[in-house]
Structures are given as structure tokens and as C-alpha cells.
């Protein structure tokens, strides 16, 4: 059976899955690094020492590896659709925990738990591998990973402007909370099982799998 050409300008079929997936991964990286461009304001609010700032940066990645292993196991059991939705919802809520923290200890705990969002990489790679044939999966995963990772740069470029728009001493809190809102409303989803190549793979509802 011939394999349909990957059309990146399309938002239907497997291309739709690719776009929904990299957007979800992009949001994951925005959430993961939403504190970095705002650290000067966070430091001023809590009068953080150099050691405390460095600790927050370390905590932000401390759980990523073990959680990726755990999430990989859960993806095998529940499928990528459910796991991506759960991960974005959980970490979106954790953004509010970080944004409205009242102590360094709360900041540190929130940052540690937010490192879990890095597990989105595992979910998306599994999802892409199921929806694309061997001749296209490398390109699709490259697009997924590349545009997803750009989320950290997008956070660095945009969040200071978001904070500036809010204004005031709590502007950084509202900027971080904004990323949580985005994650909570974006429940990226796709069918858990790959469709027959060239088939009609999606229903019209974005959160449902193949009809």
C-alpha cells in the first residue's frame, strides 16, 4: 500500500495529530521553563540568595528522568491520549501553586513537581510513532521535538512581555499563572491506536480517537 505524502500545511489526518502533538509539547516546555525569564522578579519578591536560586533551577529538572520512566510505563497501559491530557492538566494546576507561593519552600516544592512536565516528550514520541509509517516517522518526530523544544525560547521571549502587560510587583505571578491557564485548556488528544494508512482516522471532536 502506498504511503501518503506528509503535508505539513494540512490539519487533517496524521498531519493533524502531528500539529496537535507538537503544540502540546511546546506548551509543556513553556510551563517547564516559565520561571527562568522571570527569576529576577521572583528573587526580589522572596529575597532569594544565590544558593536558593540555583536550587530552584536544579529542582526544576530533578524529577524529569524518573518521571519519564514512570510515564512511559503508564503510556503503555493507558495510551498517549489520556496521559498527555493528564500531564497538561496536572502541571497546569501546579503553575498556580508556583505563581501564588508565599514562601521559598512552596516555590521549591512547586518547581520540583513541575519538572514532571518534561515527561511530555515520552508521550509524544510514542504517539507520533503510532500514527506515522516508518518512512515518515523520523521527520515527524523531528518536527515534534524541534518545535516542542522551542517552547523554552518562546517562554523567554514572551513571558517578560506578559508580565510587563500586567504590571506591578505581582506581574510575574500573573505571567506564570497565564501559562497554567494555557496548559489547562489545551487537552491535546489523539487516538491511542494507529489508523490504517490513508484511512479516515479522526472524528470531528478533537478529544476523540478514530471513529
N, C-alpha and C. Protein backbone atom coordinates (compact mmCIF):
# COMPACT_ATOMS: atom_id res chain seq x y z
N UNK A 1 0.85 -1.20 0.00
CA UNK A 1 0.00 0.00 0.00
C UNK A 1 0.88 1.24 0.00
N UNK A 2 0.57 2.20 -0.84
CA UNK A 2 1.36 3.41 -0.92
C UNK A 2 1.13 4.28 0.32
N UNK A 3 2.15 5.03 0.69
CA UNK A 3 2.08 5.91 1.85
C UNK A 3 1.83 7.33 1.38
N UNK A 4 0.81 7.96 1.94
CA UNK A 4 0.51 9.32 1.58
C UNK A 4 1.64 10.25 2.00
N UNK A 5 1.92 11.25 1.18
CA UNK A 5 2.96 12.22 1.48
C UNK A 5 2.55 13.07 2.68
N UNK A 6 3.53 13.34 3.55
CA UNK A 6 3.27 14.16 4.72
C UNK A 6 3.10 15.62 4.30
N UNK A 7 1.91 16.15 4.51
CA UNK A 7 1.60 17.52 4.13
C UNK A 7 1.55 18.38 5.39
N UNK A 8 2.59 19.16 5.63
CA UNK A 8 2.68 19.95 6.85
C UNK A 8 1.71 21.12 6.86
N UNK A 9 1.16 21.46 5.71
CA UNK A 9 0.20 22.56 5.64
C UNK A 9 -1.23 22.08 5.89
N UNK A 10 -1.39 20.79 6.03
CA UNK A 10 -2.70 20.22 6.27
C UNK A 10 -2.98 20.13 7.76
N UNK A 11 -4.27 20.18 8.12
CA UNK A 11 -4.66 19.96 9.51
C UNK A 11 -5.71 18.86 9.56
N UNK A 12 -5.44 17.80 8.82
CA UNK A 12 -6.32 16.64 8.82
C UNK A 12 -5.47 15.38 8.80
N UNK A 13 -6.08 14.26 9.16
CA UNK A 13 -5.36 13.00 9.17
C UNK A 13 -4.17 13.00 10.11
N UNK A 14 -3.10 12.34 9.72
CA UNK A 14 -1.92 12.23 10.57
C UNK A 14 -1.23 13.58 10.76
N UNK A 15 -1.37 14.49 9.79
CA UNK A 15 -0.78 15.82 9.95
C UNK A 15 -1.43 16.55 11.12
N UNK A 16 -2.71 16.32 11.29
CA UNK A 16 -3.43 16.94 12.40
C UNK A 16 -2.86 16.46 13.73
N UNK A 17 -2.60 15.16 13.81
CA UNK A 17 -2.01 14.61 15.02
C UNK A 17 -0.64 15.23 15.29
N UNK A 18 0.16 15.38 14.25
CA UNK A 18 1.48 15.96 14.40
C UNK A 18 1.39 17.38 14.96
N UNK A 19 0.50 18.18 14.39
CA UNK A 19 0.38 19.57 14.84
C UNK A 19 -0.15 19.66 16.27
N UNK A 20 -1.17 18.88 16.58
CA UNK A 20 -1.69 18.88 17.94
C UNK A 20 -0.63 18.42 18.95
N UNK A 21 0.21 17.48 18.52
CA UNK A 21 1.23 16.94 19.41
C UNK A 21 2.35 17.93 19.68
N UNK A 22 2.86 18.57 18.61
CA UNK A 22 3.97 19.49 18.87
C UNK A 22 3.50 20.73 19.62
N UNK A 23 2.25 21.12 19.42
CA UNK A 23 1.72 22.25 20.20
C UNK A 23 1.65 21.87 21.68
N UNK A 24 1.22 20.64 21.96
CA UNK A 24 1.17 20.18 23.35
C UNK A 24 2.58 20.16 23.95
N UNK A 25 3.56 19.68 23.19
CA UNK A 25 4.93 19.62 23.68
C UNK A 25 5.50 21.03 23.85
N UNK A 26 5.14 21.93 22.94
CA UNK A 26 5.53 23.33 23.02
C UNK A 26 5.02 23.94 24.33
N UNK A 27 3.75 23.71 24.64
CA UNK A 27 3.17 24.21 25.87
C UNK A 27 3.88 23.61 27.08
N UNK A 28 4.23 22.33 26.99
CA UNK A 28 4.95 21.68 28.08
C UNK A 28 6.25 22.40 28.40
N UNK A 29 6.98 22.80 27.36
CA UNK A 29 8.24 23.49 27.57
C UNK A 29 8.04 24.91 28.08
N UNK A 30 6.99 25.56 27.64
CA UNK A 30 6.68 26.89 28.18
C UNK A 30 6.43 26.79 29.69
N UNK A 31 5.65 25.79 30.09
CA UNK A 31 5.36 25.57 31.50
C UNK A 31 6.63 25.20 32.26
N UNK A 32 7.43 24.34 31.67
CA UNK A 32 8.63 23.84 32.33
C UNK A 32 9.62 24.97 32.64
N UNK A 33 9.73 25.93 31.75
CA UNK A 33 10.71 26.99 31.93
C UNK A 33 10.06 28.37 32.09
N UNK A 34 8.86 28.39 32.64
CA UNK A 34 8.17 29.68 32.78
C UNK A 34 8.77 30.55 33.87
N UNK A 35 9.58 29.98 34.74
CA UNK A 35 10.18 30.77 35.82
C UNK A 35 11.47 31.47 35.42
N UNK A 36 12.20 30.87 34.47
CA UNK A 36 13.55 31.35 34.16
C UNK A 36 13.60 32.82 33.74
N UNK A 37 12.77 33.26 32.78
CA UNK A 37 12.87 34.67 32.36
C UNK A 37 12.31 35.65 33.39
N UNK A 38 11.66 35.12 34.43
CA UNK A 38 11.07 35.97 35.47
C UNK A 38 11.82 35.87 36.79
N UNK A 39 12.97 35.20 36.77
CA UNK A 39 13.68 34.90 38.01
C UNK A 39 14.11 36.16 38.76
N UNK A 40 14.44 37.22 38.05
CA UNK A 40 14.86 38.45 38.74
C UNK A 40 13.73 38.98 39.62
N UNK A 41 12.51 38.96 39.11
CA UNK A 41 11.36 39.43 39.88
C UNK A 41 11.03 38.48 41.02
N UNK A 42 11.14 37.18 40.74
CA UNK A 42 10.89 36.18 41.79
C UNK A 42 11.90 36.34 42.91
N UNK A 43 13.14 36.53 42.52
CA UNK A 43 14.20 36.70 43.51
C UNK A 43 13.96 37.93 44.39
N UNK A 44 13.51 38.99 43.77
CA UNK A 44 13.25 40.21 44.53
C UNK A 44 12.07 40.04 45.47
N UNK A 45 11.03 39.35 45.02
CA UNK A 45 9.84 39.15 45.84
C UNK A 45 10.16 38.37 47.11
N UNK A 46 10.99 37.33 46.98
CA UNK A 46 11.27 36.45 48.12
C UNK A 46 12.65 36.70 48.73
N UNK A 47 13.36 37.68 48.19
CA UNK A 47 14.72 37.98 48.69
C UNK A 47 15.58 36.71 48.71
N UNK A 48 15.63 36.04 47.58
CA UNK A 48 16.34 34.77 47.48
C UNK A 48 17.85 34.98 47.43
N UNK A 49 18.57 34.04 47.99
CA UNK A 49 20.02 34.04 47.90
C UNK A 49 20.45 33.35 46.61
N UNK A 50 21.74 33.46 46.28
CA UNK A 50 22.25 32.79 45.08
C UNK A 50 22.05 31.28 45.18
N UNK A 51 22.25 30.73 46.35
CA UNK A 51 22.09 29.29 46.56
C UNK A 51 20.64 28.87 46.34
N UNK A 52 19.71 29.66 46.83
CA UNK A 52 18.29 29.33 46.65
C UNK A 52 17.87 29.39 45.19
N UNK A 53 18.39 30.37 44.46
CA UNK A 53 18.08 30.47 43.04
C UNK A 53 18.62 29.25 42.30
N UNK A 54 19.85 28.87 42.59
CA UNK A 54 20.45 27.70 41.94
C UNK A 54 19.69 26.43 42.30
N UNK A 55 19.23 26.36 43.53
CA UNK A 55 18.46 25.18 43.97
C UNK A 55 17.16 25.06 43.19
N UNK A 56 16.48 26.17 42.96
CA UNK A 56 15.25 26.15 42.18
C UNK A 56 15.51 25.65 40.76
N UNK A 57 16.62 26.09 40.19
CA UNK A 57 16.96 25.66 38.83
C UNK A 57 17.25 24.16 38.77
N UNK A 58 17.89 23.65 39.81
CA UNK A 58 18.19 22.21 39.87
C UNK A 58 16.92 21.41 40.09
N UNK A 59 16.08 21.88 41.02
CA UNK A 59 14.84 21.18 41.31
C UNK A 59 13.95 21.08 40.08
N UNK A 60 14.06 22.05 39.20
CA UNK A 60 13.21 22.08 38.01
C UNK A 60 13.44 20.91 37.08
N UNK A 61 14.59 20.27 37.16
CA UNK A 61 14.90 19.13 36.29
C UNK A 61 15.13 17.85 37.07
N UNK A 62 15.04 17.91 38.41
CA UNK A 62 15.42 16.77 39.24
C UNK A 62 14.56 15.54 39.01
N UNK A 63 13.27 15.71 38.80
CA UNK A 63 12.36 14.57 38.66
C UNK A 63 12.15 14.13 37.22
N UNK A 64 12.71 14.84 36.28
CA UNK A 64 12.37 14.60 34.88
C UNK A 64 12.68 13.18 34.44
N UNK A 65 13.87 12.69 34.73
CA UNK A 65 14.25 11.34 34.27
C UNK A 65 13.41 10.25 34.91
N UNK A 66 13.30 10.20 36.25
CA UNK A 66 12.46 9.13 36.82
C UNK A 66 10.99 9.22 36.40
N UNK A 67 10.47 10.44 36.26
CA UNK A 67 9.07 10.58 35.86
C UNK A 67 8.88 10.15 34.41
N UNK A 68 9.87 10.38 33.55
CA UNK A 68 9.75 9.92 32.17
C UNK A 68 9.64 8.40 32.12
N UNK A 69 10.35 7.72 32.98
CA UNK A 69 10.27 6.26 33.02
C UNK A 69 8.87 5.84 33.48
N UNK A 70 8.39 6.47 34.55
CA UNK A 70 7.07 6.15 35.08
C UNK A 70 5.98 6.45 34.06
N UNK A 71 6.06 7.62 33.44
CA UNK A 71 5.05 8.00 32.45
C UNK A 71 5.09 7.07 31.25
N UNK A 72 6.29 6.64 30.86
CA UNK A 72 6.40 5.68 29.77
C UNK A 72 5.64 4.40 30.07
N UNK A 73 5.74 3.93 31.31
CA UNK A 73 5.00 2.74 31.72
C UNK A 73 3.49 2.98 31.68
N UNK A 74 3.09 4.17 32.14
CA UNK A 74 1.66 4.50 32.16
C UNK A 74 1.10 4.69 30.74
N UNK A 75 1.93 5.19 29.83
CA UNK A 75 1.51 5.32 28.44
C UNK A 75 1.23 3.95 27.85
N UNK A 76 2.07 2.98 28.18
CA UNK A 76 1.85 1.61 27.70
C UNK A 76 0.52 1.07 28.20
N UNK A 77 0.12 1.49 29.38
CA UNK A 77 -1.11 0.97 29.97
C UNK A 77 -2.35 1.74 29.54
N UNK A 78 -2.27 3.07 29.54
CA UNK A 78 -3.45 3.90 29.31
C UNK A 78 -3.48 4.58 27.94
N UNK A 79 -2.36 4.63 27.25
CA UNK A 79 -2.31 5.26 25.94
C UNK A 79 -1.91 6.73 26.03
N UNK A 80 -1.37 7.28 24.95
CA UNK A 80 -0.87 8.66 24.95
C UNK A 80 -1.95 9.72 25.07
N UNK A 81 -3.14 9.46 24.55
CA UNK A 81 -4.20 10.47 24.62
C UNK A 81 -4.52 10.84 26.05
N UNK A 82 -4.79 9.83 26.87
CA UNK A 82 -5.14 10.06 28.27
C UNK A 82 -3.97 10.65 29.03
N UNK A 83 -2.77 10.15 28.81
CA UNK A 83 -1.62 10.59 29.58
C UNK A 83 -1.22 12.02 29.27
N UNK A 84 -1.34 12.43 27.99
CA UNK A 84 -0.99 13.82 27.67
C UNK A 84 -1.99 14.79 28.32
N UNK A 85 -3.26 14.43 28.27
CA UNK A 85 -4.28 15.26 28.90
C UNK A 85 -4.04 15.37 30.40
N UNK A 86 -3.73 14.26 31.05
CA UNK A 86 -3.50 14.25 32.48
C UNK A 86 -2.26 15.07 32.85
N UNK A 87 -1.21 14.92 32.06
CA UNK A 87 0.04 15.63 32.35
C UNK A 87 -0.15 17.14 32.23
N UNK A 88 -0.79 17.59 31.16
CA UNK A 88 -1.00 19.02 30.98
C UNK A 88 -1.93 19.59 32.05
N UNK A 89 -2.96 18.84 32.42
CA UNK A 89 -3.88 19.31 33.46
C UNK A 89 -3.17 19.42 34.80
N UNK A 90 -2.39 18.40 35.15
CA UNK A 90 -1.68 18.40 36.43
C UNK A 90 -0.68 19.54 36.51
N UNK A 91 0.13 19.68 35.48
CA UNK A 91 1.18 20.70 35.52
C UNK A 91 0.61 22.09 35.32
N UNK A 92 -0.52 22.20 34.64
CA UNK A 92 -1.19 23.49 34.56
C UNK A 92 -1.63 23.95 35.94
N UNK A 93 -2.17 23.01 36.74
CA UNK A 93 -2.57 23.34 38.10
C UNK A 93 -1.36 23.70 38.96
N UNK A 94 -0.25 23.01 38.76
CA UNK A 94 0.96 23.29 39.53
C UNK A 94 1.52 24.67 39.23
N UNK A 95 1.24 25.20 38.05
CA UNK A 95 1.67 26.57 37.73
C UNK A 95 1.06 27.56 38.72
N UNK A 96 -0.18 27.33 39.11
CA UNK A 96 -0.84 28.21 40.07
C UNK A 96 -0.21 28.06 41.45
N UNK A 97 0.17 26.84 41.79
CA UNK A 97 0.86 26.59 43.05
C UNK A 97 2.15 27.40 43.12
N UNK A 98 2.89 27.42 42.03
CA UNK A 98 4.13 28.19 41.97
C UNK A 98 3.84 29.69 41.93
N UNK A 99 2.88 30.08 41.11
CA UNK A 99 2.60 31.50 40.91
C UNK A 99 2.17 32.20 42.19
N UNK A 100 1.43 31.51 43.02
CA UNK A 100 0.90 32.15 44.22
C UNK A 100 1.53 31.61 45.51
N UNK A 101 2.75 31.13 45.38
CA UNK A 101 3.51 30.67 46.54
C UNK A 101 3.77 31.85 47.49
N UNK A 102 3.81 31.55 48.77
CA UNK A 102 4.05 32.58 49.78
C UNK A 102 5.35 32.38 50.53
N UNK A 103 6.08 31.34 50.17
CA UNK A 103 7.36 31.08 50.83
C UNK A 103 8.31 30.39 49.86
N UNK A 104 9.58 30.39 50.20
CA UNK A 104 10.57 29.72 49.37
C UNK A 104 10.30 28.22 49.31
N UNK A 105 9.86 27.66 50.42
CA UNK A 105 9.58 26.23 50.46
C UNK A 105 8.48 25.84 49.47
N UNK A 106 7.47 26.69 49.36
CA UNK A 106 6.41 26.43 48.38
C UNK A 106 6.93 26.55 46.96
N UNK A 107 7.78 27.54 46.72
CA UNK A 107 8.40 27.68 45.41
C UNK A 107 9.18 26.43 45.04
N UNK A 108 9.98 25.95 46.00
CA UNK A 108 10.83 24.79 45.75
C UNK A 108 10.01 23.54 45.46
N UNK A 109 8.95 23.31 46.24
CA UNK A 109 8.11 22.13 46.03
C UNK A 109 7.40 22.20 44.67
N UNK A 110 6.88 23.37 44.33
CA UNK A 110 6.20 23.54 43.05
C UNK A 110 7.15 23.32 41.90
N UNK A 111 8.37 23.83 42.02
CA UNK A 111 9.34 23.70 40.94
C UNK A 111 9.77 22.25 40.77
N UNK A 112 9.90 21.54 41.89
CA UNK A 112 10.26 20.12 41.82
C UNK A 112 9.18 19.35 41.07
N UNK A 113 7.93 19.57 41.42
CA UNK A 113 6.83 18.84 40.80
C UNK A 113 6.63 19.25 39.35
N UNK A 114 6.90 20.51 39.02
CA UNK A 114 6.73 20.97 37.64
C UNK A 114 7.74 20.33 36.69
N UNK A 115 8.82 19.79 37.22
CA UNK A 115 9.76 19.07 36.37
C UNK A 115 9.12 17.87 35.70
N UNK A 116 7.98 17.40 36.24
CA UNK A 116 7.28 16.25 35.66
C UNK A 116 6.79 16.54 34.25
N UNK A 117 6.58 17.82 33.93
CA UNK A 117 6.03 18.15 32.62
C UNK A 117 6.98 17.77 31.49
N UNK A 118 8.27 17.61 31.82
CA UNK A 118 9.23 17.18 30.82
C UNK A 118 8.96 15.78 30.29
N UNK A 119 8.10 15.04 30.97
CA UNK A 119 7.74 13.69 30.52
C UNK A 119 6.87 13.73 29.28
N UNK A 120 6.41 14.91 28.90
CA UNK A 120 5.62 15.02 27.68
C UNK A 120 6.36 14.53 26.45
N UNK A 121 7.68 14.59 26.49
CA UNK A 121 8.49 14.11 25.37
C UNK A 121 8.21 12.64 25.10
N UNK A 122 8.17 11.84 26.15
CA UNK A 122 7.95 10.40 26.01
C UNK A 122 6.58 10.12 25.39
N UNK A 123 5.57 10.84 25.86
CA UNK A 123 4.21 10.62 25.38
C UNK A 123 4.10 10.93 23.89
N UNK A 124 4.64 12.07 23.50
CA UNK A 124 4.53 12.48 22.11
C UNK A 124 5.28 11.59 21.15
N UNK A 125 6.48 11.15 21.56
CA UNK A 125 7.26 10.25 20.70
C UNK A 125 6.50 8.95 20.46
N UNK A 126 5.86 8.44 21.50
CA UNK A 126 5.05 7.22 21.35
C UNK A 126 3.88 7.48 20.40
N UNK A 127 3.22 8.62 20.59
CA UNK A 127 2.07 8.96 19.78
C UNK A 127 2.44 9.09 18.30
N UNK A 128 3.51 9.81 18.03
CA UNK A 128 3.95 10.01 16.65
C UNK A 128 4.34 8.68 16.00
N UNK A 129 5.02 7.83 16.76
CA UNK A 129 5.46 6.56 16.20
C UNK A 129 4.30 5.66 15.82
N UNK A 130 3.15 5.83 16.49
CA UNK A 130 1.98 5.01 16.19
C UNK A 130 1.19 5.53 14.98
N UNK A 131 1.27 6.83 14.74
CA UNK A 131 0.43 7.41 13.70
C UNK A 131 1.14 7.64 12.38
N UNK A 132 2.46 7.39 12.35
CA UNK A 132 3.21 7.62 11.12
C UNK A 132 3.96 6.36 10.71
N UNK A 133 4.03 6.10 9.42
CA UNK A 133 4.77 4.93 8.92
C UNK A 133 6.28 5.15 9.05
N UNK A 134 7.03 4.08 8.88
CA UNK A 134 8.48 4.12 9.07
C UNK A 134 9.17 5.17 8.19
N UNK A 135 8.67 5.37 6.98
CA UNK A 135 9.31 6.31 6.06
C UNK A 135 9.10 7.77 6.47
N UNK A 136 8.17 8.01 7.38
CA UNK A 136 7.87 9.39 7.77
C UNK A 136 8.10 9.67 9.25
N UNK A 137 8.27 8.63 10.04
CA UNK A 137 8.30 8.82 11.49
C UNK A 137 9.48 9.66 11.95
N UNK A 138 10.63 9.54 11.29
CA UNK A 138 11.80 10.33 11.68
C UNK A 138 11.56 11.81 11.49
N UNK A 139 11.01 12.18 10.33
CA UNK A 139 10.70 13.57 10.06
C UNK A 139 9.65 14.09 11.03
N UNK A 140 8.60 13.30 11.24
CA UNK A 140 7.52 13.71 12.13
C UNK A 140 8.03 13.92 13.56
N UNK A 141 8.86 13.01 14.04
CA UNK A 141 9.40 13.14 15.39
C UNK A 141 10.37 14.31 15.48
N UNK A 142 11.09 14.59 14.41
CA UNK A 142 11.97 15.74 14.39
C UNK A 142 11.19 17.04 14.51
N UNK A 143 10.07 17.13 13.78
CA UNK A 143 9.22 18.31 13.86
C UNK A 143 8.61 18.42 15.26
N UNK A 144 8.14 17.31 15.77
CA UNK A 144 7.55 17.29 17.11
C UNK A 144 8.56 17.78 18.16
N UNK A 145 9.76 17.19 18.14
CA UNK A 145 10.76 17.54 19.14
C UNK A 145 11.30 18.95 18.95
N UNK A 146 11.54 19.34 17.70
CA UNK A 146 12.12 20.65 17.44
C UNK A 146 11.21 21.80 17.83
N UNK A 147 9.97 21.76 17.34
CA UNK A 147 9.04 22.82 17.67
C UNK A 147 8.64 22.78 19.13
N UNK A 148 8.60 21.59 19.70
CA UNK A 148 8.28 21.49 21.13
C UNK A 148 9.34 22.14 21.99
N UNK A 149 10.60 21.83 21.72
CA UNK A 149 11.70 22.41 22.49
C UNK A 149 11.76 23.92 22.36
N UNK A 150 11.25 24.44 21.26
CA UNK A 150 11.24 25.89 21.06
C UNK A 150 10.38 26.59 22.11
N UNK A 151 9.56 25.83 22.81
CA UNK A 151 8.73 26.41 23.85
C UNK A 151 9.53 27.12 24.93
N UNK A 152 10.72 26.61 25.24
CA UNK A 152 11.55 27.27 26.25
C UNK A 152 12.01 28.63 25.78
N UNK A 153 12.38 28.73 24.50
CA UNK A 153 12.78 30.02 23.94
C UNK A 153 11.58 30.97 23.87
N UNK A 154 10.43 30.42 23.51
CA UNK A 154 9.22 31.24 23.43
C UNK A 154 8.87 31.80 24.80
N UNK A 155 9.05 31.00 25.84
CA UNK A 155 8.80 31.48 27.20
C UNK A 155 9.73 32.62 27.55
N UNK A 156 11.01 32.47 27.20
CA UNK A 156 11.99 33.51 27.50
C UNK A 156 11.67 34.82 26.77
N UNK A 157 11.13 34.70 25.57
CA UNK A 157 10.83 35.89 24.78
C UNK A 157 9.52 36.55 25.15
N UNK A 158 8.53 35.74 25.51
CA UNK A 158 7.18 36.28 25.68
C UNK A 158 6.79 36.59 27.12
N UNK A 159 7.23 35.79 28.08
CA UNK A 159 6.73 35.96 29.44
C UNK A 159 7.13 37.30 30.08
N UNK A 160 8.33 37.82 29.82
CA UNK A 160 8.62 39.17 30.35
C UNK A 160 7.65 40.21 29.79
N UNK A 161 7.23 40.05 28.55
CA UNK A 161 6.27 40.98 27.96
C UNK A 161 4.89 40.81 28.58
N UNK A 162 4.53 39.55 28.88
CA UNK A 162 3.25 39.30 29.54
C UNK A 162 3.26 39.94 30.93
N UNK A 163 4.37 39.76 31.65
CA UNK A 163 4.48 40.38 32.98
C UNK A 163 4.42 41.90 32.88
N UNK A 164 5.06 42.45 31.88
CA UNK A 164 5.05 43.90 31.68
C UNK A 164 3.63 44.40 31.42
N UNK A 165 2.87 43.60 30.69
CA UNK A 165 1.48 43.98 30.39
C UNK A 165 0.63 44.01 31.66
N UNK A 166 0.86 43.07 32.57
CA UNK A 166 0.12 43.05 33.82
C UNK A 166 0.57 44.20 34.73
N UNK A 167 1.88 44.37 34.82
CA UNK A 167 2.43 45.45 35.64
C UNK A 167 2.31 45.19 37.13
N UNK A 168 3.09 45.93 37.92
CA UNK A 168 3.03 45.81 39.36
C UNK A 168 3.98 44.75 39.90
N UNK A 169 4.15 44.68 41.21
CA UNK A 169 5.09 43.75 41.83
C UNK A 169 4.71 42.28 41.67
N UNK A 170 3.43 42.01 41.42
CA UNK A 170 2.96 40.63 41.25
C UNK A 170 2.82 40.23 39.79
N UNK A 171 3.39 41.02 38.90
CA UNK A 171 3.24 40.74 37.47
C UNK A 171 3.79 39.37 37.11
N UNK A 172 4.90 38.97 37.73
CA UNK A 172 5.49 37.66 37.41
C UNK A 172 4.52 36.53 37.78
N UNK A 173 3.76 36.73 38.84
CA UNK A 173 2.80 35.71 39.27
C UNK A 173 1.72 35.51 38.20
N UNK A 174 1.23 36.60 37.67
CA UNK A 174 0.18 36.51 36.66
C UNK A 174 0.71 35.94 35.35
N UNK A 175 1.97 36.23 35.04
CA UNK A 175 2.57 35.66 33.83
C UNK A 175 2.69 34.15 33.94
N UNK A 176 3.16 33.67 35.10
CA UNK A 176 3.26 32.23 35.32
C UNK A 176 1.88 31.59 35.32
N UNK A 177 0.92 32.24 35.96
CA UNK A 177 -0.44 31.71 36.00
C UNK A 177 -1.04 31.62 34.61
N UNK A 178 -0.68 32.54 33.74
CA UNK A 178 -1.17 32.51 32.37
C UNK A 178 -0.75 31.22 31.66
N UNK A 179 0.49 30.78 31.90
CA UNK A 179 0.93 29.53 31.27
C UNK A 179 0.14 28.35 31.82
N UNK A 180 -0.25 28.43 33.09
CA UNK A 180 -1.09 27.37 33.65
C UNK A 180 -2.45 27.31 33.00
N UNK A 181 -3.02 28.47 32.74
CA UNK A 181 -4.33 28.53 32.07
C UNK A 181 -4.23 27.89 30.69
N UNK A 182 -3.17 28.21 29.96
CA UNK A 182 -2.99 27.67 28.61
C UNK A 182 -2.90 26.14 28.66
N UNK A 183 -2.13 25.62 29.61
CA UNK A 183 -1.99 24.17 29.72
C UNK A 183 -3.30 23.50 30.09
N UNK A 184 -4.07 24.13 30.97
CA UNK A 184 -5.32 23.54 31.42
C UNK A 184 -6.37 23.48 30.32
N UNK A 185 -6.38 24.47 29.44
CA UNK A 185 -7.40 24.49 28.40
C UNK A 185 -6.99 23.68 27.16
N UNK A 186 -5.70 23.34 27.09
CA UNK A 186 -5.25 22.62 25.91
C UNK A 186 -5.07 21.13 26.24
N UNK A 187 -6.15 20.40 26.19
CA UNK A 187 -6.06 18.96 26.42
C UNK A 187 -5.83 18.28 25.07
N UNK A 188 -4.56 18.29 24.66
CA UNK A 188 -4.20 17.67 23.38
C UNK A 188 -4.60 16.20 23.43
N UNK A 189 -5.16 15.71 22.32
CA UNK A 189 -5.60 14.33 22.31
C UNK A 189 -5.59 13.76 20.91
N UNK A 190 -5.37 12.46 20.87
CA UNK A 190 -5.42 11.75 19.60
C UNK A 190 -5.80 10.31 19.89
N UNK A 191 -6.13 9.58 18.86
CA UNK A 191 -6.45 8.18 19.04
C UNK A 191 -5.26 7.40 19.56
N UNK A 192 -5.51 6.44 20.42
CA UNK A 192 -4.43 5.67 21.01
C UNK A 192 -3.85 4.64 20.06
N UNK A 193 -4.59 4.23 19.06
CA UNK A 193 -4.11 3.22 18.13
C UNK A 193 -3.97 3.81 16.74
N UNK A 194 -2.95 3.40 16.00
CA UNK A 194 -2.75 3.96 14.67
C UNK A 194 -3.83 3.52 13.70
N UNK A 195 -4.23 4.40 12.80
CA UNK A 195 -5.26 4.06 11.82
C UNK A 195 -4.68 3.33 10.63
N UNK A 196 -5.49 2.71 9.80
CA UNK A 196 -4.98 2.20 8.53
C UNK A 196 -4.48 3.37 7.68
N UNK A 197 -3.35 3.19 7.04
CA UNK A 197 -2.79 4.28 6.23
C UNK A 197 -3.77 4.70 5.15
N UNK A 198 -3.97 6.00 5.04
CA UNK A 198 -4.87 6.53 4.04
C UNK A 198 -6.33 6.51 4.45
N UNK A 199 -6.61 6.02 5.69
CA UNK A 199 -7.98 5.94 6.13
C UNK A 199 -8.48 7.24 6.71
N UNK A 200 -9.78 7.28 7.01
CA UNK A 200 -10.38 8.43 7.67
C UNK A 200 -10.20 8.23 9.17
N UNK A 201 -9.18 8.89 9.75
CA UNK A 201 -8.71 8.49 11.07
C UNK A 201 -9.33 9.25 12.22
N UNK A 202 -9.98 10.39 12.00
CA UNK A 202 -10.45 11.17 13.13
C UNK A 202 -11.93 11.49 13.03
N UNK A 203 -12.53 11.58 14.19
CA UNK A 203 -13.86 12.17 14.25
C UNK A 203 -13.68 13.67 14.28
N UNK A 204 -14.78 14.41 14.28
CA UNK A 204 -14.67 15.86 14.27
C UNK A 204 -14.34 16.42 15.64
N UNK A 205 -14.51 15.63 16.70
CA UNK A 205 -14.21 16.11 18.04
C UNK A 205 -12.72 15.95 18.32
N UNK A 206 -12.04 17.01 18.77
CA UNK A 206 -10.58 16.94 18.92
C UNK A 206 -10.13 16.03 20.04
N UNK A 207 -11.02 15.60 20.92
CA UNK A 207 -10.60 14.78 22.03
C UNK A 207 -10.98 13.31 21.88
N UNK A 208 -11.42 12.96 20.71
CA UNK A 208 -11.80 11.58 20.45
C UNK A 208 -10.83 10.95 19.45
N UNK A 209 -10.75 9.65 19.52
CA UNK A 209 -9.86 8.94 18.63
C UNK A 209 -10.53 8.59 17.32
N UNK A 210 -9.99 7.63 16.60
CA UNK A 210 -10.56 7.25 15.31
C UNK A 210 -12.00 6.80 15.45
N UNK A 211 -12.80 7.18 14.49
CA UNK A 211 -14.21 6.78 14.51
C UNK A 211 -14.33 5.29 14.21
